[in-house]
Amino acid sequence: YPAATLTWQHVDNLIVILDAPENVSFNVENGILTISWDGILEAHGYKVYASEVPYTGFSEVTSQGTFTNGNRVSWTSTNLYMTQRFFYIKAYRD
């Protein structure tokens, strides 16, 4: 029974590749930017990045907003709606 040789050590060393967030939506209302997406079951959290150009110059802006978690995750910011921005979201595990 080869499976009997597995230990928690082996399980802890597994690499989990997380899916990209799906069904992303954006809303700006009354000076508040909200980005929402379907939650990823295996994710411990998310990081939000922004840039003024679409393909380069992204920096993390996670701390400039707040999260609401659930089946749909939302990130809300009052700091980043004034100029054109491009965003991406990355799920992570600790």
PDB file of N, CA and C in Angstrom:
ATOM      1  N   TYR A   1       0.818  -1.175   0.000  1.00  0.00           N
ATOM      2  CA  TYR A   1       0.000   0.000   0.000  1.00  0.00           C
ATOM      3  C   TYR A   1       0.875   1.256   0.000  1.00  0.00           C
ATOM      4  N   PRO A   2       1.301   1.713  -1.153  1.00  0.00           N
ATOM      5  CA  PRO A   2       2.176   2.889  -1.211  1.00  0.00           C
ATOM      6  C   PRO A   2       1.557   4.136  -0.594  1.00  0.00           C
ATOM      7  N   ALA A   3       0.244   4.284  -0.656  1.00  0.00           N
ATOM      8  CA  ALA A   3      -0.385   5.495  -0.116  1.00  0.00           C
ATOM      9  C   ALA A   3      -0.164   5.627   1.386  1.00  0.00           C
ATOM     10  N   ALA A   4       0.091   4.525   2.084  1.00  0.00           N
ATOM     11  CA  ALA A   4       0.295   4.561   3.531  1.00  0.00           C
ATOM     12  C   ALA A   4       1.584   5.276   3.906  1.00  0.00           C
ATOM     13  N   THR A   5       2.488   5.485   2.957  1.00  0.00           N
ATOM     14  CA  THR A   5       3.742   6.164   3.254  1.00  0.00           C
ATOM     15  C   THR A   5       3.603   7.681   3.233  1.00  0.00           C
ATOM     16  N   LEU A   6       2.451   8.205   2.833  1.00  0.00           N
ATOM     17  CA  LEU A   6       2.254   9.651   2.815  1.00  0.00           C
ATOM     18  C   LEU A   6       2.182  10.181   4.241  1.00  0.00           C
ATOM     19  N   THR A   7       2.740  11.346   4.448  1.00  0.00           N
ATOM     20  CA  THR A   7       2.660  12.006   5.753  1.00  0.00           C
ATOM     21  C   THR A   7       2.176  13.431   5.536  1.00  0.00           C
ATOM     22  N   TRP A   8       1.867  14.125   6.655  1.00  0.00           N
ATOM     23  CA  TRP A   8       1.456  15.516   6.545  1.00  0.00           C
ATOM     24  C   TRP A   8       2.561  16.373   5.969  1.00  0.00           C
ATOM     25  N   GLN A   9       3.794  15.996   6.212  1.00  0.00           N
ATOM     26  CA  GLN A   9       4.938  16.715   5.651  1.00  0.00           C
ATOM     27  C   GLN A   9       4.820  16.804   4.132  1.00  0.00           C
ATOM     28  N   HIS A  10       4.500  15.703   3.521  1.00  0.00           N
ATOM     29  CA  HIS A  10       4.348  15.703   2.065  1.00  0.00           C
ATOM     30  C   HIS A  10       3.175  16.581   1.624  1.00  0.00           C
ATOM     31  N   VAL A  11       2.089  16.497   2.345  1.00  0.00           N
ATOM     32  CA  VAL A  11       0.912  17.283   1.989  1.00  0.00           C
ATOM     33  C   VAL A  11       1.223  18.775   2.122  1.00  0.00           C
ATOM     34  N   ASP A  12       1.928  19.150   3.192  1.00  0.00           N
ATOM     35  CA  ASP A  12       2.254  20.559   3.388  1.00  0.00           C
ATOM     36  C   ASP A  12       3.149  21.102   2.288  1.00  0.00           C
ATOM     37  N   ASN A  13       3.901  20.258   1.615  1.00  0.00           N
ATOM     38  CA  ASN A  13       4.814  20.708   0.576  1.00  0.00           C
ATOM     39  C   ASN A  13       4.183  20.752  -0.807  1.00  0.00           C
ATOM     40  N   LEU A  14       2.911  20.431  -0.909  1.00  0.00           N
ATOM     41  CA  LEU A  14       2.240  20.512  -2.203  1.00  0.00           C
ATOM     42  C   LEU A  14       2.175  21.956  -2.663  1.00  0.00           C
ATOM     43  N   ILE A  15       2.335  22.149  -3.923  1.00  0.00           N
ATOM     44  CA  ILE A  15       2.191  23.485  -4.497  1.00  0.00           C
ATOM     45  C   ILE A  15       0.765  23.610  -5.021  1.00  0.00           C
ATOM     46  N   VAL A  16       0.068  24.588  -4.527  1.00  0.00           N
ATOM     47  CA  VAL A  16      -1.305  24.830  -4.952  1.00  0.00           C
ATOM     48  C   VAL A  16      -1.290  26.015  -5.896  1.00  0.00           C
ATOM     49  N   ILE A  17      -1.742  25.786  -7.117  1.00  0.00           N
ATOM     50  CA  ILE A  17      -1.832  26.867  -8.103  1.00  0.00           C
ATOM     51  C   ILE A  17      -3.264  27.373  -8.092  1.00  0.00           C
ATOM     52  N   LEU A  18      -3.409  28.621  -7.755  1.00  0.00           N
ATOM     53  CA  LEU A  18      -4.749  29.190  -7.640  1.00  0.00           C
ATOM     54  C   LEU A  18      -5.254  29.692  -8.989  1.00  0.00           C
ATOM     55  N   ASP A  19      -6.546  29.547  -9.170  1.00  0.00           N
ATOM     56  CA  ASP A  19      -7.181  30.086 -10.368  1.00  0.00           C
ATOM     57  C   ASP A  19      -7.153  31.606 -10.322  1.00  0.00           C
ATOM     58  N   ALA A  20      -7.231  32.217 -11.477  1.00  0.00           N
ATOM     59  CA  ALA A  20      -7.388  33.670 -11.551  1.00  0.00           C
ATOM     60  C   ALA A  20      -8.822  34.013 -11.156  1.00  0.00           C
ATOM     61  N   PRO A  21      -9.042  35.140 -10.489  1.00  0.00           N
ATOM     62  CA  PRO A  21     -10.410  35.556 -10.174  1.00  0.00           C
ATOM     63  C   PRO A  21     -11.258  35.658 -11.446  1.00  0.00           C
ATOM     64  N   GLU A  22     -12.505  35.211 -11.339  1.00  0.00           N
ATOM     65  CA  GLU A  22     -13.421  35.216 -12.479  1.00  0.00           C
ATOM     66  C   GLU A  22     -14.619  36.100 -12.195  1.00  0.00           C
ATOM     67  N   ASN A  23     -15.328  36.433 -13.268  1.00  0.00           N
ATOM     68  CA  ASN A  23     -16.535  37.263 -13.198  1.00  0.00           C
ATOM     69  C   ASN A  23     -16.257  38.588 -12.486  1.00  0.00           C
ATOM     70  N   VAL A  24     -15.185  39.233 -12.911  1.00  0.00           N
ATOM     71  CA  VAL A  24     -14.780  40.507 -12.311  1.00  0.00           C
ATOM     72  C   VAL A  24     -15.698  41.621 -12.821  1.00  0.00           C
ATOM     73  N   SER A  25     -16.136  42.464 -11.906  1.00  0.00           N
ATOM     74  CA  SER A  25     -16.946  43.623 -12.294  1.00  0.00           C
ATOM     75  C   SER A  25     -16.429  44.861 -11.575  1.00  0.00           C
ATOM     76  N   PHE A  26     -16.648  46.016 -12.210  1.00  0.00           N
ATOM     77  CA  PHE A  26     -16.206  47.313 -11.683  1.00  0.00           C
ATOM     78  C   PHE A  26     -17.408  48.224 -11.562  1.00  0.00           C
ATOM     79  N   ASN A  27     -17.417  49.032 -10.521  1.00  0.00           N
ATOM     80  CA  ASN A  27     -18.478  50.005 -10.350  1.00  0.00           C
ATOM     81  C   ASN A  27     -17.894  51.256  -9.697  1.00  0.00           C
ATOM     82  N   VAL A  28     -18.235  52.421 -10.217  1.00  0.00           N
ATOM     83  CA  VAL A  28     -17.861  53.689  -9.580  1.00  0.00           C
ATOM     84  C   VAL A  28     -19.155  54.439  -9.323  1.00  0.00           C
ATOM     85  N   GLU A  29     -19.370  54.756  -8.041  1.00  0.00           N
ATOM     86  CA  GLU A  29     -20.590  55.453  -7.666  1.00  0.00           C
ATOM     87  C   GLU A  29     -20.300  56.341  -6.463  1.00  0.00           C
ATOM     88  N   ASN A  30     -20.675  57.607  -6.573  1.00  0.00           N
ATOM     89  CA  ASN A  30     -20.474  58.573  -5.480  1.00  0.00           C
ATOM     90  C   ASN A  30     -19.024  58.607  -4.991  1.00  0.00           C
ATOM     91  N   GLY A  31     -18.085  58.532  -5.928  1.00  0.00           N
ATOM     92  CA  GLY A  31     -16.674  58.616  -5.573  1.00  0.00           C
ATOM     93  C   GLY A  31     -16.088  57.352  -4.977  1.00  0.00           C
ATOM     94  N   ILE A  32     -16.815  56.244  -5.074  1.00  0.00           N
ATOM     95  CA  ILE A  32     -16.337  54.981  -4.515  1.00  0.00           C
ATOM     96  C   ILE A  32     -16.172  53.975  -5.641  1.00  0.00           C
ATOM     97  N   LEU A  33     -14.964  53.421  -5.756  1.00  0.00           N
ATOM     98  CA  LEU A  33     -14.670  52.370  -6.722  1.00  0.00           C
ATOM     99  C   LEU A  33     -14.847  51.029  -6.031  1.00  0.00           C
ATOM    100  N   THR A  34     -15.629  50.134  -6.637  1.00  0.00           N
ATOM    101  CA  THR A  34     -15.790  48.777  -6.116  1.00  0.00           C
ATOM    102  C   THR A  34     -15.459  47.792  -7.234  1.00  0.00           C
ATOM    103  N   ILE A  35     -14.526  46.887  -6.930  1.00  0.00           N
ATOM    104  CA  ILE A  35     -14.193  45.787  -7.832  1.00  0.00           C
ATOM    105  C   ILE A  35     -14.656  44.514  -7.138  1.00  0.00           C
ATOM    106  N   SER A  36     -15.437  43.685  -7.843  1.00  0.00           N
ATOM    107  CA  SER A  36     -15.975  42.445  -7.271  1.00  0.00           C
ATOM    108  C   SER A  36     -15.611  41.267  -8.153  1.00  0.00           C
ATOM    109  N   TRP A  37     -15.476  40.090  -7.543  1.00  0.00           N
ATOM    110  CA  TRP A  37     -15.177  38.863  -8.286  1.00  0.00           C
ATOM    111  C   TRP A  37     -15.639  37.668  -7.468  1.00  0.00           C
ATOM    112  N   ASP A  38     -15.745  36.522  -8.138  1.00  0.00           N
ATOM    113  CA  ASP A  38     -16.107  35.292  -7.450  1.00  0.00           C
ATOM    114  C   ASP A  38     -14.950  34.859  -6.561  1.00  0.00           C
ATOM    115  N   GLY A  39     -15.262  34.497  -5.306  1.00  0.00           N
ATOM    116  CA  GLY A  39     -14.234  34.048  -4.381  1.00  0.00           C
ATOM    117  C   GLY A  39     -13.601  32.744  -4.842  1.00  0.00           C
ATOM    118  N   ILE A  40     -12.342  32.561  -4.498  1.00  0.00           N
ATOM    119  CA  ILE A  40     -11.605  31.339  -4.823  1.00  0.00           C
ATOM    120  C   ILE A  40     -11.458  30.548  -3.533  1.00  0.00           C
ATOM    121  N   LEU A  41     -11.984  29.343  -3.501  1.00  0.00           N
ATOM    122  CA  LEU A  41     -12.047  28.541  -2.292  1.00  0.00           C
ATOM    123  C   LEU A  41     -10.686  28.374  -1.616  1.00  0.00           C
ATOM    124  N   GLU A  42      -9.636  28.113  -2.374  1.00  0.00           N
ATOM    125  CA  GLU A  42      -8.321  27.825  -1.804  1.00  0.00           C
ATOM    126  C   GLU A  42      -7.532  29.080  -1.436  1.00  0.00           C
ATOM    127  N   ALA A  43      -8.014  30.253  -1.763  1.00  0.00           N
ATOM    128  CA  ALA A  43      -7.271  31.495  -1.520  1.00  0.00           C
ATOM    129  C   ALA A  43      -7.318  31.882  -0.049  1.00  0.00           C
ATOM    130  N   HIS A  44      -6.186  32.345   0.458  1.00  0.00           N
ATOM    131  CA  HIS A  44      -6.133  32.908   1.809  1.00  0.00           C
ATOM    132  C   HIS A  44      -6.398  34.413   1.772  1.00  0.00           C
ATOM    133  N   GLY A  45      -6.231  35.012   0.598  1.00  0.00           N
ATOM    134  CA  GLY A  45      -6.459  36.437   0.445  1.00  0.00           C
ATOM    135  C   GLY A  45      -6.209  36.867  -0.982  1.00  0.00           C
ATOM    136  N   TYR A  46      -6.267  38.162  -1.203  1.00  0.00           N
ATOM    137  CA  TYR A  46      -6.119  38.730  -2.536  1.00  0.00           C
ATOM    138  C   TYR A  46      -5.250  39.976  -2.462  1.00  0.00           C
ATOM    139  N   LYS A  47      -4.589  40.264  -3.569  1.00  0.00           N
ATOM    140  CA  LYS A  47      -3.836  41.504  -3.716  1.00  0.00           C
ATOM    141  C   LYS A  47      -4.361  42.215  -4.957  1.00  0.00           C
ATOM    142  N   VAL A  48      -4.468  43.539  -4.861  1.00  0.00           N
ATOM    143  CA  VAL A  48      -4.980  44.352  -5.960  1.00  0.00           C
ATOM    144  C   VAL A  48      -3.838  45.235  -6.454  1.00  0.00           C
ATOM    145  N   TYR A  49      -3.674  45.285  -7.779  1.00  0.00           N
ATOM    146  CA  TYR A  49      -2.619  46.077  -8.416  1.00  0.00           C
ATOM    147  C   TYR A  49      -3.258  47.059  -9.389  1.00  0.00           C
ATOM    148  N   ALA A  50      -2.632  48.229  -9.557  1.00  0.00           N
ATOM    149  CA  ALA A  50      -3.160  49.256 -10.465  1.00  0.00           C
ATOM    150  C   ALA A  50      -2.029  49.905 -11.239  1.00  0.00           C
ATOM    151  N   SER A  51      -2.373  50.402 -12.430  1.00  0.00           N
ATOM    152  CA  SER A  51      -1.431  51.141 -13.266  1.00  0.00           C
ATOM    153  C   SER A  51      -2.219  52.137 -14.101  1.00  0.00           C
ATOM    154  N   GLU A  52      -1.540  53.183 -14.544  1.00  0.00           N
ATOM    155  CA  GLU A  52      -2.186  54.158 -15.419  1.00  0.00           C
ATOM    156  C   GLU A  52      -2.099  53.748 -16.882  1.00  0.00           C
ATOM    157  N   VAL A  53      -1.297  52.721 -17.195  1.00  0.00           N
ATOM    158  CA  VAL A  53      -1.186  52.178 -18.548  1.00  0.00           C
ATOM    159  C   VAL A  53      -1.505  50.689 -18.494  1.00  0.00           C
ATOM    160  N   PRO A  54      -1.981  50.117 -19.597  1.00  0.00           N
ATOM    161  CA  PRO A  54      -2.520  48.759 -19.513  1.00  0.00           C
ATOM    162  C   PRO A  54      -1.515  47.614 -19.368  1.00  0.00           C
ATOM    163  N   TYR A  55      -0.277  47.762 -19.756  1.00  0.00           N
ATOM    164  CA  TYR A  55       0.600  46.594 -19.807  1.00  0.00           C
ATOM    165  C   TYR A  55       1.832  46.671 -18.919  1.00  0.00           C
ATOM    166  N   THR A  56       2.030  47.754 -18.221  1.00  0.00           N
ATOM    167  CA  THR A  56       3.236  47.904 -17.422  1.00  0.00           C
ATOM    168  C   THR A  56       2.985  48.881 -16.274  1.00  0.00           C
ATOM    169  N   GLY A  57       3.914  48.966 -15.350  1.00  0.00           N
ATOM    170  CA  GLY A  57       3.832  49.960 -14.294  1.00  0.00           C
ATOM    171  C   GLY A  57       2.876  49.635 -13.167  1.00  0.00           C
ATOM    172  N   PHE A  58       2.480  48.377 -13.020  1.00  0.00           N
ATOM    173  CA  PHE A  58       1.545  48.011 -11.956  1.00  0.00           C
ATOM    174  C   PHE A  58       2.236  48.022 -10.603  1.00  0.00           C
ATOM    175  N   SER A  59       1.542  48.544  -9.606  1.00  0.00           N
ATOM    176  CA  SER A  59       2.025  48.500  -8.233  1.00  0.00           C
ATOM    177  C   SER A  59       0.858  48.085  -7.339  1.00  0.00           C
ATOM    178  N   GLU A  60       1.201  47.480  -6.227  1.00  0.00           N
ATOM    179  CA  GLU A  60       0.161  46.985  -5.328  1.00  0.00           C
ATOM    180  C   GLU A  60      -0.552  48.146  -4.639  1.00  0.00           C
ATOM    181  N   VAL A  61      -1.881  48.107  -4.673  1.00  0.00           N
ATOM    182  CA  VAL A  61      -2.707  49.142  -4.043  1.00  0.00           C
ATOM    183  C   VAL A  61      -3.681  48.524  -3.030  1.00  0.00           C
ATOM    184  N   THR A  62      -3.433  47.287  -2.657  1.00  0.00           N
ATOM    185  CA  THR A  62      -4.335  46.568  -1.754  1.00  0.00           C
ATOM    186  C   THR A  62      -4.685  47.385  -0.523  1.00  0.00           C
ATOM    187  N   SER A  63      -3.690  48.022   0.086  1.00  0.00           N
ATOM    188  CA  SER A  63      -3.914  48.755   1.337  1.00  0.00           C
ATOM    189  C   SER A  63      -4.718  50.041   1.148  1.00  0.00           C
ATOM    190  N   GLN A  64      -4.970  50.448  -0.093  1.00  0.00           N
ATOM    191  CA  GLN A  64      -5.741  51.666  -0.353  1.00  0.00           C
ATOM    192  C   GLN A  64      -7.243  51.397  -0.448  1.00  0.00           C
ATOM    193  N   GLY A  65      -7.632  50.192  -0.084  1.00  0.00           N
ATOM    194  CA  GLY A  65      -9.041  49.828  -0.103  1.00  0.00           C
ATOM    195  C   GLY A  65      -9.337  48.821   0.986  1.00  0.00           C
ATOM    196  N   THR A  66     -10.591  48.380   1.044  1.00  0.00           N
ATOM    197  CA  THR A  66     -11.000  47.395   2.029  1.00  0.00           C
ATOM    198  C   THR A  66     -11.739  46.250   1.342  1.00  0.00           C
ATOM    199  N   PHE A  67     -11.651  45.067   1.949  1.00  0.00           N
ATOM    200  CA  PHE A  67     -12.280  43.870   1.391  1.00  0.00           C
ATOM    201  C   PHE A  67     -13.566  43.533   2.117  1.00  0.00           C
ATOM    202  N   THR A  68     -14.497  42.973   1.360  1.00  0.00           N
ATOM    203  CA  THR A  68     -15.671  42.301   1.890  1.00  0.00           C
ATOM    204  C   THR A  68     -15.621  40.905   1.306  1.00  0.00           C
ATOM    205  N   ASN A  69     -15.572  39.886   2.176  1.00  0.00           N
ATOM    206  CA  ASN A  69     -15.426  38.506   1.700  1.00  0.00           C
ATOM    207  C   ASN A  69     -16.749  37.766   1.750  1.00  0.00           C
ATOM    208  N   GLY A  70     -16.835  36.738   0.938  1.00  0.00           N
ATOM    209  CA  GLY A  70     -18.008  35.881   0.852  1.00  0.00           C
ATOM    210  C   GLY A  70     -17.894  35.101  -0.448  1.00  0.00           C
ATOM    211  N   ASN A  71     -19.013  34.613  -0.960  1.00  0.00           N
ATOM    212  CA  ASN A  71     -18.981  33.943  -2.262  1.00  0.00           C
ATOM    213  C   ASN A  71     -18.502  34.901  -3.343  1.00  0.00           C
ATOM    214  N   ARG A  72     -18.859  36.176  -3.178  1.00  0.00           N
ATOM    215  CA  ARG A  72     -18.342  37.256  -4.029  1.00  0.00           C
ATOM    216  C   ARG A  72     -17.470  38.118  -3.146  1.00  0.00           C
ATOM    217  N   VAL A  73     -16.289  38.374  -3.613  1.00  0.00           N
ATOM    218  CA  VAL A  73     -15.350  39.221  -2.876  1.00  0.00           C
ATOM    219  C   VAL A  73     -15.413  40.612  -3.489  1.00  0.00           C
ATOM    220  N   SER A  74     -15.404  41.634  -2.653  1.00  0.00           N
ATOM    221  CA  SER A  74     -15.395  43.017  -3.130  1.00  0.00           C
ATOM    222  C   SER A  74     -14.231  43.756  -2.494  1.00  0.00           C
ATOM    223  N   TRP A  75     -13.627  44.623  -3.267  1.00  0.00           N
ATOM    224  CA  TRP A  75     -12.581  45.529  -2.784  1.00  0.00           C
ATOM    225  C   TRP A  75     -13.053  46.937  -3.119  1.00  0.00           C
ATOM    226  N   THR A  76     -13.116  47.791  -2.111  1.00  0.00           N
ATOM    227  CA  THR A  76     -13.671  49.131  -2.256  1.00  0.00           C
ATOM    228  C   THR A  76     -12.622  50.171  -1.909  1.00  0.00           C
ATOM    229  N   SER A  77     -12.523  51.215  -2.743  1.00  0.00           N
ATOM    230  CA  SER A  77     -11.547  52.276  -2.516  1.00  0.00           C
ATOM    231  C   SER A  77     -12.151  53.624  -2.863  1.00  0.00           C
ATOM    232  N   THR A  78     -11.784  54.641  -2.086  1.00  0.00           N
ATOM    233  CA  THR A  78     -12.185  56.012  -2.408  1.00  0.00           C
ATOM    234  C   THR A  78     -10.997  56.789  -2.969  1.00  0.00           C
ATOM    235  N   ASN A  79      -9.828  56.145  -3.110  1.00  0.00           N
ATOM    236  CA  ASN A  79      -8.603  56.835  -3.526  1.00  0.00           C
ATOM    237  C   ASN A  79      -8.269  56.698  -5.014  1.00  0.00           C
ATOM    238  N   LEU A  80      -8.832  55.726  -5.713  1.00  0.00           N
ATOM    239  CA  LEU A  80      -8.310  55.381  -7.033  1.00  0.00           C
ATOM    240  C   LEU A  80      -9.289  55.577  -8.177  1.00  0.00           C
ATOM    241  N   TYR A  81     -10.301  56.369  -7.993  1.00  0.00           N
ATOM    242  CA  TYR A  81     -11.298  56.510  -9.044  1.00  0.00           C
ATOM    243  C   TYR A  81     -11.118  57.772  -9.887  1.00  0.00           C
ATOM    244  N   MET A  82     -10.244  58.677  -9.502  1.00  0.00           N
ATOM    245  CA  MET A  82     -10.152  59.991 -10.137  1.00  0.00           C
ATOM    246  C   MET A  82      -9.542  59.971 -11.536  1.00  0.00           C
ATOM    247  N   THR A  83      -8.608  59.068 -11.808  1.00  0.00           N
ATOM    248  CA  THR A  83      -7.965  59.007 -13.113  1.00  0.00           C
ATOM    249  C   THR A  83      -8.153  57.618 -13.703  1.00  0.00           C
ATOM    250  N   GLN A  84      -7.907  57.518 -14.976  1.00  0.00           N
ATOM    251  CA  GLN A  84      -8.005  56.216 -15.631  1.00  0.00           C
ATOM    252  C   GLN A  84      -6.996  55.260 -15.011  1.00  0.00           C
ATOM    253  N   ARG A  85      -7.440  54.091 -14.639  1.00  0.00           N
ATOM    254  CA  ARG A  85      -6.572  53.066 -14.053  1.00  0.00           C
ATOM    255  C   ARG A  85      -6.900  51.720 -14.656  1.00  0.00           C
ATOM    256  N   PHE A  86      -5.899  50.883 -14.698  1.00  0.00           N
ATOM    257  CA  PHE A  86      -6.049  49.493 -15.096  1.00  0.00           C
ATOM    258  C   PHE A  86      -5.724  48.663 -13.859  1.00  0.00           C
ATOM    259  N   PHE A  87      -6.495  47.616 -13.628  1.00  0.00           N
ATOM    260  CA  PHE A  87      -6.351  46.820 -12.412  1.00  0.00           C
ATOM    261  C   PHE A  87      -6.162  45.350 -12.749  1.00  0.00           C
ATOM    262  N   TYR A  88      -5.498  44.656 -11.834  1.00  0.00           N
ATOM    263  CA  TYR A  88      -5.577  43.204 -11.827  1.00  0.00           C
ATOM    264  C   TYR A  88      -5.567  42.734 -10.390  1.00  0.00           C
ATOM    265  N   ILE A  89      -6.156  41.556 -10.188  1.00  0.00           N
ATOM    266  CA  ILE A  89      -6.303  40.964  -8.867  1.00  0.00           C
ATOM    267  C   ILE A  89      -5.579  39.637  -8.863  1.00  0.00           C
ATOM    268  N   LYS A  90      -4.882  39.373  -7.778  1.00  0.00           N
ATOM    269  CA  LYS A  90      -4.144  38.113  -7.659  1.00  0.00           C
ATOM    270  C   LYS A  90      -4.528  37.448  -6.338  1.00  0.00           C
ATOM    271  N   ALA A  91      -4.933  36.189  -6.412  1.00  0.00           N
ATOM    272  CA  ALA A  91      -5.217  35.417  -5.209  1.00  0.00           C
ATOM    273  C   ALA A  91      -3.913  34.849  -4.681  1.00  0.00           C
ATOM    274  N   TYR A  92      -3.842  34.664  -3.355  1.00  0.00           N
ATOM    275  CA  TYR A  92      -2.622  34.071  -2.787  1.00  0.00           C
ATOM    276  C   TYR A  92      -2.978  33.145  -1.631  1.00  0.00           C
ATOM    277  N   ARG A  93      -2.010  32.309  -1.298  1.00  0.00           N
ATOM    278  CA  ARG A  93      -2.060  31.445  -0.116  1.00  0.00           C
ATOM    279  C   ARG A  93      -0.822  31.743   0.711  1.00  0.00           C
ATOM    280  N   ASP A  94      -0.966  31.782   2.035  1.00  0.00           N
ATOM    281  CA  ASP A  94       0.191  31.997   2.908  1.00  0.00           C
ATOM    282  C   ASP A  94       1.073  30.761   2.950  1.00  0.00           C
TER     283      ASP A  94
END
